[in-house]
Amino acid sequence: MPHLHLEYTANLPELNADVALLRLNNALVASGQFAETDIKSRAVKVEHFRVGTGLGERAFVHVQLALLSGRSPEIKKQLGESLLTVIQELGPWPTGLSVQFSVETVDMDRGCYAKAILDN
């Protein structure tokens, strides 16, 4: 725990998903809320997308952070703001492109979450 999902549009060719995930994971570790080994992150480049209805070039970078329920709204807000700062700093961003950055923090029901670890 937590699970971090990064989605970004294919018209952001300079975005390096491996670097992005490492920076996002580091921000989560720095928060003091999670053990380094508990963070699971993944990235998906979105090939087919639309931002609004306009004809201009647009893009987005979105992070969903799924946490076990029980953290205060203040902690979740701090985590979201920290991750938003990280994704904004992932550029350079293409000139002439409107890029939207967003972070969503969601609770997973602690009572229904199951986890096992196999260390070979």
N, C-alpha and C. Protein backbone atom coordinates (compact mmCIF):
# COMPACT_ATOMS: atom_id res chain seq x y z
N MET A 1 0.86 -1.14 0.00
CA MET A 1 0.00 0.00 0.00
C MET A 1 0.91 1.21 0.00
N PRO A 2 0.80 2.18 -0.70
CA PRO A 2 -0.31 2.55 -1.58
C PRO A 2 -0.11 2.03 -3.00
N HIS A 3 -1.16 2.20 -3.81
CA HIS A 3 -1.09 1.93 -5.23
C HIS A 3 -1.17 3.27 -5.96
N LEU A 4 -0.21 3.52 -6.84
CA LEU A 4 -0.16 4.76 -7.60
C LEU A 4 -0.30 4.44 -9.07
N HIS A 5 -1.25 5.10 -9.72
CA HIS A 5 -1.51 4.94 -11.15
C HIS A 5 -1.21 6.26 -11.84
N LEU A 6 -0.29 6.25 -12.79
CA LEU A 6 0.05 7.43 -13.58
C LEU A 6 -0.48 7.22 -15.00
N GLU A 7 -1.27 8.16 -15.47
CA GLU A 7 -1.74 8.15 -16.86
C GLU A 7 -1.26 9.43 -17.52
N TYR A 8 -0.78 9.31 -18.75
CA TYR A 8 -0.33 10.49 -19.49
C TYR A 8 -0.61 10.29 -20.97
N THR A 9 -0.85 11.39 -21.65
CA THR A 9 -1.22 11.31 -23.06
C THR A 9 0.00 11.12 -23.95
N ALA A 10 -0.24 10.45 -25.05
CA ALA A 10 0.85 10.07 -25.97
C ALA A 10 1.52 11.26 -26.64
N ASN A 11 0.91 12.43 -26.59
CA ASN A 11 1.52 13.61 -27.21
C ASN A 11 2.49 14.32 -26.26
N LEU A 12 2.96 13.60 -25.26
CA LEU A 12 4.00 14.10 -24.35
C LEU A 12 5.24 13.22 -24.48
N PRO A 13 5.94 13.31 -25.61
CA PRO A 13 7.03 12.37 -25.90
C PRO A 13 8.23 12.48 -24.96
N GLU A 14 8.40 13.61 -24.30
CA GLU A 14 9.55 13.79 -23.41
C GLU A 14 9.31 13.21 -22.02
N LEU A 15 8.08 12.81 -21.73
CA LEU A 15 7.80 12.27 -20.40
C LEU A 15 8.38 10.86 -20.30
N ASN A 16 9.30 10.69 -19.39
CA ASN A 16 9.95 9.39 -19.17
C ASN A 16 9.22 8.72 -18.00
N ALA A 17 8.44 7.70 -18.31
CA ALA A 17 7.60 7.05 -17.29
C ALA A 17 8.42 6.46 -16.15
N ASP A 18 9.57 5.87 -16.44
CA ASP A 18 10.40 5.28 -15.37
C ASP A 18 10.88 6.34 -14.39
N VAL A 19 11.34 7.46 -14.93
CA VAL A 19 11.80 8.56 -14.09
C VAL A 19 10.62 9.14 -13.30
N ALA A 20 9.48 9.28 -13.96
CA ALA A 20 8.29 9.82 -13.30
C ALA A 20 7.89 8.95 -12.12
N LEU A 21 7.85 7.64 -12.31
CA LEU A 21 7.46 6.74 -11.23
C LEU A 21 8.45 6.79 -10.08
N LEU A 22 9.73 6.86 -10.38
CA LEU A 22 10.73 6.94 -9.32
C LEU A 22 10.56 8.22 -8.52
N ARG A 23 10.35 9.34 -9.19
CA ARG A 23 10.16 10.61 -8.48
C ARG A 23 8.89 10.61 -7.64
N LEU A 24 7.83 10.05 -8.18
CA LEU A 24 6.58 9.97 -7.42
C LEU A 24 6.74 9.06 -6.20
N ASN A 25 7.40 7.92 -6.39
CA ASN A 25 7.64 7.00 -5.27
C ASN A 25 8.50 7.68 -4.20
N ASN A 26 9.52 8.42 -4.63
CA ASN A 26 10.38 9.12 -3.67
C ASN A 26 9.59 10.15 -2.87
N ALA A 27 8.66 10.82 -3.52
CA ALA A 27 7.82 11.80 -2.80
C ALA A 27 6.96 11.10 -1.75
N LEU A 28 6.46 9.92 -2.08
CA LEU A 28 5.65 9.17 -1.12
C LEU A 28 6.50 8.71 0.06
N VAL A 29 7.70 8.24 -0.20
CA VAL A 29 8.59 7.83 0.89
C VAL A 29 8.92 9.04 1.77
N ALA A 30 9.21 10.18 1.14
CA ALA A 30 9.57 11.39 1.88
C ALA A 30 8.43 11.88 2.77
N SER A 31 7.20 11.51 2.46
CA SER A 31 6.06 11.94 3.26
C SER A 31 6.06 11.31 4.64
N GLY A 32 6.78 10.19 4.80
CA GLY A 32 6.81 9.48 6.07
C GLY A 32 5.58 8.62 6.32
N GLN A 33 4.69 8.53 5.35
CA GLN A 33 3.45 7.78 5.51
C GLN A 33 3.57 6.31 5.11
N PHE A 34 4.62 5.97 4.35
CA PHE A 34 4.70 4.63 3.76
C PHE A 34 6.11 4.08 3.84
N ALA A 35 6.20 2.77 3.99
CA ALA A 35 7.48 2.10 3.84
C ALA A 35 7.80 2.02 2.34
N GLU A 36 9.05 2.14 2.02
CA GLU A 36 9.49 2.15 0.61
C GLU A 36 9.01 0.91 -0.13
N THR A 37 9.05 -0.24 0.52
CA THR A 37 8.69 -1.49 -0.14
C THR A 37 7.18 -1.67 -0.31
N ASP A 38 6.39 -0.82 0.31
CA ASP A 38 4.93 -0.95 0.21
C ASP A 38 4.34 -0.22 -0.99
N ILE A 39 5.12 0.63 -1.64
CA ILE A 39 4.60 1.45 -2.74
C ILE A 39 4.61 0.65 -4.04
N LYS A 40 3.44 0.58 -4.66
CA LYS A 40 3.32 -0.06 -5.97
C LYS A 40 2.86 0.99 -6.97
N SER A 41 3.65 1.22 -8.01
CA SER A 41 3.28 2.24 -8.98
C SER A 41 3.39 1.69 -10.39
N ARG A 42 2.58 2.28 -11.26
CA ARG A 42 2.60 1.88 -12.66
C ARG A 42 2.19 3.06 -13.51
N ALA A 43 2.58 3.02 -14.79
CA ALA A 43 2.29 4.11 -15.72
C ALA A 43 1.64 3.56 -16.98
N VAL A 44 0.71 4.33 -17.50
CA VAL A 44 0.03 3.97 -18.74
C VAL A 44 0.03 5.18 -19.66
N LYS A 45 0.59 4.99 -20.86
CA LYS A 45 0.52 6.03 -21.87
C LYS A 45 -0.80 5.86 -22.61
N VAL A 46 -1.59 6.92 -22.64
CA VAL A 46 -2.92 6.88 -23.25
C VAL A 46 -2.80 7.31 -24.71
N GLU A 47 -3.00 6.36 -25.62
CA GLU A 47 -2.89 6.64 -27.05
C GLU A 47 -4.12 7.33 -27.60
N HIS A 48 -5.28 6.96 -27.13
CA HIS A 48 -6.54 7.52 -27.63
C HIS A 48 -7.16 8.32 -26.51
N PHE A 49 -7.30 9.63 -26.71
CA PHE A 49 -7.79 10.53 -25.68
C PHE A 49 -8.36 11.79 -26.31
N ARG A 50 -9.08 12.52 -25.53
CA ARG A 50 -9.58 13.83 -25.92
C ARG A 50 -9.67 14.65 -24.65
N VAL A 51 -9.24 15.90 -24.74
CA VAL A 51 -9.38 16.86 -23.64
C VAL A 51 -10.37 17.92 -24.12
N GLY A 52 -11.57 17.90 -23.60
CA GLY A 52 -12.59 18.85 -24.02
C GLY A 52 -13.06 18.59 -25.43
N THR A 53 -13.55 19.66 -26.08
CA THR A 53 -14.07 19.54 -27.44
C THR A 53 -13.34 20.44 -28.43
N GLY A 54 -12.41 21.24 -27.93
CA GLY A 54 -11.70 22.19 -28.78
C GLY A 54 -10.75 21.52 -29.76
N LEU A 55 -10.34 22.29 -30.74
CA LEU A 55 -9.44 21.78 -31.77
C LEU A 55 -7.97 21.93 -31.41
N GLY A 56 -7.66 22.74 -30.40
CA GLY A 56 -6.27 22.97 -30.02
C GLY A 56 -5.61 21.73 -29.44
N GLU A 57 -4.29 21.72 -29.50
CA GLU A 57 -3.53 20.61 -28.93
C GLU A 57 -3.59 20.66 -27.42
N ARG A 58 -4.00 19.57 -26.82
CA ARG A 58 -4.12 19.47 -25.38
C ARG A 58 -3.57 18.12 -24.91
N ALA A 59 -3.19 18.09 -23.65
CA ALA A 59 -2.63 16.86 -23.07
C ALA A 59 -2.97 16.83 -21.58
N PHE A 60 -2.74 15.67 -20.96
CA PHE A 60 -2.92 15.59 -19.52
C PHE A 60 -1.96 14.59 -18.90
N VAL A 61 -1.69 14.83 -17.62
CA VAL A 61 -0.96 13.90 -16.77
C VAL A 61 -1.82 13.77 -15.51
N HIS A 62 -2.22 12.54 -15.22
CA HIS A 62 -3.11 12.31 -14.07
C HIS A 62 -2.53 11.21 -13.19
N VAL A 63 -2.58 11.45 -11.88
CA VAL A 63 -2.15 10.46 -10.91
C VAL A 63 -3.33 10.11 -10.02
N GLN A 64 -3.55 8.82 -9.85
CA GLN A 64 -4.50 8.34 -8.86
C GLN A 64 -3.70 7.62 -7.78
N LEU A 65 -3.89 8.06 -6.55
CA LEU A 65 -3.23 7.45 -5.40
C LEU A 65 -4.29 6.75 -4.56
N ALA A 66 -4.22 5.43 -4.51
CA ALA A 66 -5.18 4.63 -3.74
C ALA A 66 -4.54 4.25 -2.41
N LEU A 67 -5.21 4.63 -1.33
CA LEU A 67 -4.71 4.43 0.03
C LEU A 67 -5.69 3.61 0.84
N LEU A 68 -5.17 2.87 1.80
CA LEU A 68 -6.06 2.22 2.76
C LEU A 68 -6.79 3.30 3.55
N SER A 69 -8.07 3.10 3.78
CA SER A 69 -8.88 4.09 4.47
C SER A 69 -8.34 4.37 5.87
N GLY A 70 -8.64 5.57 6.37
CA GLY A 70 -8.25 5.92 7.73
C GLY A 70 -7.36 7.13 7.86
N ARG A 71 -6.76 7.60 6.78
CA ARG A 71 -5.92 8.79 6.86
C ARG A 71 -6.79 10.05 6.88
N SER A 72 -6.31 11.06 7.55
CA SER A 72 -7.07 12.30 7.68
C SER A 72 -7.13 13.03 6.34
N PRO A 73 -8.14 13.89 6.16
CA PRO A 73 -8.20 14.70 4.94
C PRO A 73 -6.95 15.57 4.76
N GLU A 74 -6.37 16.03 5.86
CA GLU A 74 -5.17 16.87 5.77
C GLU A 74 -3.98 16.09 5.21
N ILE A 75 -3.80 14.87 5.67
CA ILE A 75 -2.71 14.03 5.15
C ILE A 75 -2.93 13.75 3.67
N LYS A 76 -4.16 13.40 3.30
CA LYS A 76 -4.45 13.11 1.88
C LYS A 76 -4.23 14.35 1.02
N LYS A 77 -4.57 15.51 1.53
CA LYS A 77 -4.35 16.75 0.79
C LYS A 77 -2.85 17.01 0.60
N GLN A 78 -2.07 16.81 1.67
CA GLN A 78 -0.62 16.99 1.58
C GLN A 78 0.00 16.04 0.56
N LEU A 79 -0.44 14.79 0.57
CA LEU A 79 0.08 13.82 -0.39
C LEU A 79 -0.27 14.24 -1.81
N GLY A 80 -1.51 14.65 -2.03
CA GLY A 80 -1.94 15.07 -3.35
C GLY A 80 -1.16 16.27 -3.86
N GLU A 81 -0.95 17.25 -3.00
CA GLU A 81 -0.19 18.45 -3.39
C GLU A 81 1.26 18.11 -3.70
N SER A 82 1.84 17.21 -2.92
CA SER A 82 3.22 16.79 -3.16
C SER A 82 3.35 16.10 -4.52
N LEU A 83 2.42 15.21 -4.82
CA LEU A 83 2.47 14.50 -6.11
C LEU A 83 2.19 15.45 -7.27
N LEU A 84 1.31 16.43 -7.08
CA LEU A 84 1.04 17.42 -8.12
C LEU A 84 2.30 18.21 -8.45
N THR A 85 3.04 18.59 -7.43
CA THR A 85 4.31 19.30 -7.66
C THR A 85 5.26 18.44 -8.47
N VAL A 86 5.36 17.17 -8.13
CA VAL A 86 6.27 16.27 -8.86
C VAL A 86 5.88 16.19 -10.33
N ILE A 87 4.61 15.96 -10.63
CA ILE A 87 4.26 15.78 -12.05
C ILE A 87 4.41 17.08 -12.84
N GLN A 88 4.22 18.23 -12.20
CA GLN A 88 4.43 19.49 -12.91
C GLN A 88 5.89 19.69 -13.27
N GLU A 89 6.79 19.12 -12.48
CA GLU A 89 8.22 19.28 -12.70
C GLU A 89 8.83 18.20 -13.60
N LEU A 90 7.99 17.36 -14.20
CA LEU A 90 8.50 16.27 -15.04
C LEU A 90 8.89 16.72 -16.45
N GLY A 91 8.58 17.94 -16.82
CA GLY A 91 8.83 18.43 -18.18
C GLY A 91 10.27 18.23 -18.61
N PRO A 92 10.66 18.73 -19.76
CA PRO A 92 10.04 19.86 -20.46
C PRO A 92 8.75 19.44 -21.16
N TRP A 93 7.86 20.42 -21.27
CA TRP A 93 6.57 20.20 -21.91
C TRP A 93 6.59 20.83 -23.29
N PRO A 94 5.95 20.19 -24.27
CA PRO A 94 5.96 20.71 -25.64
C PRO A 94 5.39 22.13 -25.72
N THR A 95 6.05 22.96 -26.49
CA THR A 95 5.59 24.33 -26.73
C THR A 95 4.27 24.30 -27.50
N GLY A 96 3.37 25.20 -27.13
CA GLY A 96 2.09 25.30 -27.83
C GLY A 96 1.07 24.26 -27.43
N LEU A 97 1.37 23.51 -26.39
CA LEU A 97 0.48 22.44 -25.94
C LEU A 97 -0.06 22.80 -24.55
N SER A 98 -1.35 22.76 -24.38
CA SER A 98 -1.97 22.98 -23.08
C SER A 98 -1.97 21.64 -22.34
N VAL A 99 -1.29 21.59 -21.20
CA VAL A 99 -1.17 20.36 -20.43
C VAL A 99 -1.88 20.54 -19.09
N GLN A 100 -2.80 19.63 -18.79
CA GLN A 100 -3.50 19.66 -17.51
C GLN A 100 -2.90 18.59 -16.60
N PHE A 101 -2.67 18.97 -15.34
CA PHE A 101 -2.09 18.09 -14.33
C PHE A 101 -3.14 17.87 -13.24
N SER A 102 -3.32 16.63 -12.81
CA SER A 102 -4.29 16.37 -11.75
C SER A 102 -3.85 15.18 -10.91
N VAL A 103 -4.30 15.21 -9.65
CA VAL A 103 -4.05 14.12 -8.71
C VAL A 103 -5.36 13.82 -7.99
N GLU A 104 -5.69 12.56 -7.92
CA GLU A 104 -6.88 12.09 -7.23
C GLU A 104 -6.44 11.11 -6.15
N THR A 105 -6.88 11.36 -4.93
CA THR A 105 -6.58 10.46 -3.82
C THR A 105 -7.86 9.73 -3.45
N VAL A 106 -7.81 8.40 -3.47
CA VAL A 106 -8.99 7.60 -3.18
C VAL A 106 -8.70 6.64 -2.03
N ASP A 107 -9.74 6.37 -1.26
CA ASP A 107 -9.63 5.41 -0.16
C ASP A 107 -10.03 4.02 -0.63
N MET A 108 -9.27 3.03 -0.19
CA MET A 108 -9.64 1.63 -0.37
C MET A 108 -10.10 1.14 1.00
N ASP A 109 -11.17 0.41 1.03
CA ASP A 109 -11.72 -0.09 2.29
C ASP A 109 -10.71 -1.00 2.97
N ARG A 110 -10.23 -0.57 4.11
CA ARG A 110 -9.21 -1.32 4.86
C ARG A 110 -9.70 -2.73 5.22
N GLY A 111 -10.98 -2.85 5.54
CA GLY A 111 -11.53 -4.14 5.93
C GLY A 111 -11.61 -5.15 4.80
N CYS A 112 -11.59 -4.67 3.56
CA CYS A 112 -11.72 -5.57 2.41
C CYS A 112 -10.41 -5.77 1.66
N TYR A 113 -9.33 -5.11 2.09
CA TYR A 113 -8.06 -5.21 1.39
C TYR A 113 -7.30 -6.43 1.87
N ALA A 114 -6.74 -7.19 0.95
CA ALA A 114 -5.94 -8.36 1.29
C ALA A 114 -4.58 -8.23 0.62
N LYS A 115 -3.56 -8.71 1.29
CA LYS A 115 -2.20 -8.62 0.75
C LYS A 115 -1.40 -9.79 1.25
N ALA A 116 -0.53 -10.31 0.39
CA ALA A 116 0.40 -11.36 0.77
C ALA A 116 1.74 -11.05 0.12
N ILE A 117 2.82 -11.46 0.75
CA ILE A 117 4.16 -11.25 0.21
C ILE A 117 4.87 -12.59 0.15
N LEU A 118 5.47 -12.88 -0.99
CA LEU A 118 6.28 -14.07 -1.16
C LEU A 118 7.71 -13.62 -1.38
N ASP A 119 8.58 -13.89 -0.46
CA ASP A 119 10.01 -13.59 -0.60
C ASP A 119 10.76 -14.90 -0.83
N ASN A 120 11.24 -15.09 -2.04
CA ASN A 120 12.00 -16.31 -2.35
C ASN A 120 13.48 -16.07 -2.17
